[in-house]
Amino acid sequence: MVLPNFWFGIYSMYSGSFLYEKFIYQMYNIVFTSLPIIWYSLFDFQHPKQRYLEDPSLYQLGLKKQCFSNRKFWFWIGYGAFQAALTLWFTFY
């Protein structure tokens, strides 16, 4: 939601015009930011809840940083910037 506005700013020479309606920003925060987190925290379990309390080895993935590293973080930031540029390009051309 933010990076297409950045690319649009370059396109419109930072004229202050909006690419999206303001209502879309408000609904984005509610629908795409908070509701999925609430949904997955309540209903998505790989194992039964009691097993998490009994077996601490299930937390090794996070402790060893196997899925969370600076390289992966910056990869996804770059991928998001690329998608934002493509979104703007396909919209205007």
C-alpha atoms as a PDB file:
ATOM      1  CA  MET A   1       0.000   0.000   0.000  1.00  0.00           C
ATOM      2  CA  VAL A   2       2.872   2.415   0.645  1.00  0.00           C
ATOM      3  CA  LEU A   3       5.423   1.635  -2.059  1.00  0.00           C
ATOM      4  CA  PRO A   4       3.022   2.130  -4.984  1.00  0.00           C
ATOM      5  CA  ASN A   5       2.419   5.610  -3.548  1.00  0.00           C
ATOM      6  CA  PHE A   6       6.168   6.179  -3.495  1.00  0.00           C
ATOM      7  CA  TRP A   7       6.509   5.191  -7.158  1.00  0.00           C
ATOM      8  CA  PHE A   8       3.409   7.260  -7.991  1.00  0.00           C
ATOM      9  CA  GLY A   9       5.071  10.243  -6.294  1.00  0.00           C
ATOM     10  CA  ILE A  10       7.986   9.976  -8.688  1.00  0.00           C
ATOM     11  CA  TYR A  11       5.559   9.666 -11.609  1.00  0.00           C
ATOM     12  CA  SER A  12       3.479  12.680 -10.517  1.00  0.00           C
ATOM     13  CA  MET A  13       6.513  14.738  -9.434  1.00  0.00           C
ATOM     14  CA  TYR A  14       5.306  14.642  -5.795  1.00  0.00           C
ATOM     15  CA  SER A  15       2.256  16.773  -6.532  1.00  0.00           C
ATOM     16  CA  GLY A  16       0.433  15.638  -3.380  1.00  0.00           C
ATOM     17  CA  SER A  17      -2.320  13.772  -5.206  1.00  0.00           C
ATOM     18  CA  PHE A  18      -3.454  10.446  -3.779  1.00  0.00           C
ATOM     19  CA  LEU A  19      -3.279   7.172  -5.629  1.00  0.00           C
ATOM     20  CA  TYR A  20      -5.862   5.530  -3.328  1.00  0.00           C
ATOM     21  CA  GLU A  21      -8.986   6.678  -1.553  1.00  0.00           C
ATOM     22  CA  LYS A  22      -8.453   7.387   2.168  1.00  0.00           C
ATOM     23  CA  PHE A  23     -11.099   4.840   3.145  1.00  0.00           C
ATOM     24  CA  ILE A  24      -8.982   2.093   1.566  1.00  0.00           C
ATOM     25  CA  TYR A  25      -6.108   2.881   3.947  1.00  0.00           C
ATOM     26  CA  GLN A  26      -8.398   2.515   6.958  1.00  0.00           C
ATOM     27  CA  MET A  27      -9.912  -0.762   5.774  1.00  0.00           C
ATOM     28  CA  TYR A  28      -6.473  -2.128   4.871  1.00  0.00           C
ATOM     29  CA  ASN A  29      -5.296  -1.745   8.453  1.00  0.00           C
ATOM     30  CA  ILE A  30      -8.347  -3.522   9.813  1.00  0.00           C
ATOM     31  CA  VAL A  31      -8.810  -6.286   7.249  1.00  0.00           C
ATOM     32  CA  PHE A  32      -5.303  -7.183   6.079  1.00  0.00           C
ATOM     33  CA  THR A  33      -3.234  -6.346   9.141  1.00  0.00           C
ATOM     34  CA  SER A  34      -5.200  -7.308  12.220  1.00  0.00           C
ATOM     35  CA  LEU A  35      -7.738  -9.948  11.196  1.00  0.00           C
ATOM     36  CA  PRO A  36      -5.292 -12.533   9.734  1.00  0.00           C
ATOM     37  CA  ILE A  37      -3.090 -12.323  12.825  1.00  0.00           C
ATOM     38  CA  ILE A  38      -6.080 -12.833  15.100  1.00  0.00           C
ATOM     39  CA  TRP A  39      -7.380 -15.693  12.944  1.00  0.00           C
ATOM     40  CA  TYR A  40      -4.089 -17.609  12.846  1.00  0.00           C
ATOM     41  CA  SER A  41      -3.320 -17.060  16.500  1.00  0.00           C
ATOM     42  CA  LEU A  42      -6.661 -18.584  17.466  1.00  0.00           C
ATOM     43  CA  PHE A  43      -7.115 -21.413  14.954  1.00  0.00           C
ATOM     44  CA  ASP A  44      -3.800 -22.443  13.350  1.00  0.00           C
ATOM     45  CA  PHE A  45      -1.896 -25.127  15.269  1.00  0.00           C
ATOM     46  CA  GLN A  46       0.584 -27.622  13.895  1.00  0.00           C
ATOM     47  CA  HIS A  47       0.364 -29.722  17.064  1.00  0.00           C
ATOM     48  CA  PRO A  48      -2.130 -29.952  19.934  1.00  0.00           C
ATOM     49  CA  LYS A  49      -1.708 -27.182  22.506  1.00  0.00           C
ATOM     50  CA  GLN A  50      -0.619 -29.518  25.281  1.00  0.00           C
ATOM     51  CA  ARG A  51       2.285 -30.849  23.203  1.00  0.00           C
ATOM     52  CA  TYR A  52       3.796 -27.356  22.962  1.00  0.00           C
ATOM     53  CA  LEU A  53       3.921 -27.208  26.749  1.00  0.00           C
ATOM     54  CA  GLU A  54       5.463 -30.678  27.079  1.00  0.00           C
ATOM     55  CA  ASP A  55       8.064 -30.644  24.263  1.00  0.00           C
ATOM     56  CA  PRO A  56      10.367 -27.582  24.126  1.00  0.00           C
ATOM     57  CA  SER A  57      12.209 -28.953  21.065  1.00  0.00           C
ATOM     58  CA  LEU A  58       9.313 -27.682  18.923  1.00  0.00           C
ATOM     59  CA  TYR A  59      10.706 -24.162  19.397  1.00  0.00           C
ATOM     60  CA  GLN A  60      14.153 -24.941  17.902  1.00  0.00           C
ATOM     61  CA  LEU A  61      13.202 -23.466  14.517  1.00  0.00           C
ATOM     62  CA  GLY A  62      12.896 -19.990  16.018  1.00  0.00           C
ATOM     63  CA  LEU A  63      15.820 -20.297  18.420  1.00  0.00           C
ATOM     64  CA  LYS A  64      18.260 -21.269  15.659  1.00  0.00           C
ATOM     65  CA  LYS A  65      16.930 -18.526  13.329  1.00  0.00           C
ATOM     66  CA  GLN A  66      16.332 -20.985  10.510  1.00  0.00           C
ATOM     67  CA  CYS A  67      13.507 -18.957   8.957  1.00  0.00           C
ATOM     68  CA  PHE A  68      14.427 -15.494  10.245  1.00  0.00           C
ATOM     69  CA  SER A  69      17.627 -13.844   9.054  1.00  0.00           C
ATOM     70  CA  ASN A  70      18.744 -10.456   7.739  1.00  0.00           C
ATOM     71  CA  ARG A  71      19.191 -11.890   4.243  1.00  0.00           C
ATOM     72  CA  LYS A  72      15.644 -13.239   4.094  1.00  0.00           C
ATOM     73  CA  PHE A  73      14.272 -10.020   5.574  1.00  0.00           C
ATOM     74  CA  TRP A  74      15.903  -7.844   2.919  1.00  0.00           C
ATOM     75  CA  PHE A  75      14.923 -10.283   0.194  1.00  0.00           C
ATOM     76  CA  TRP A  76      11.255  -9.853   1.075  1.00  0.00           C
ATOM     77  CA  ILE A  77      11.598  -6.063   1.361  1.00  0.00           C
ATOM     78  CA  GLY A  78      13.117  -5.960  -2.141  1.00  0.00           C
ATOM     79  CA  TYR A  79      10.470  -8.316  -3.477  1.00  0.00           C
ATOM     80  CA  GLY A  80       7.748  -6.034  -2.098  1.00  0.00           C
ATOM     81  CA  ALA A  81       9.351  -2.979  -3.710  1.00  0.00           C
ATOM     82  CA  PHE A  82       9.506  -4.817  -7.028  1.00  0.00           C
ATOM     83  CA  GLN A  83       5.821  -5.803  -6.802  1.00  0.00           C
ATOM     84  CA  ALA A  84       4.887  -2.213  -5.963  1.00  0.00           C
ATOM     85  CA  ALA A  85       6.725  -0.944  -9.036  1.00  0.00           C
ATOM     86  CA  LEU A  86       5.013  -3.568 -11.213  1.00  0.00           C
ATOM     87  CA  THR A  87       1.621  -2.619  -9.783  1.00  0.00           C
ATOM     88  CA  LEU A  88       2.158   1.022 -10.660  1.00  0.00           C
ATOM     89  CA  TRP A  89       3.547   0.200 -14.111  1.00  0.00           C
ATOM     90  CA  PHE A  90       0.633  -2.101 -15.051  1.00  0.00           C
ATOM     91  CA  THR A  91      -1.870   0.437 -13.719  1.00  0.00           C
ATOM     92  CA  PHE A  92      -0.634   3.372 -15.777  1.00  0.00           C
ATOM     93  CA  TYR A  93       0.649   1.691 -18.884  1.00  0.00           C
END
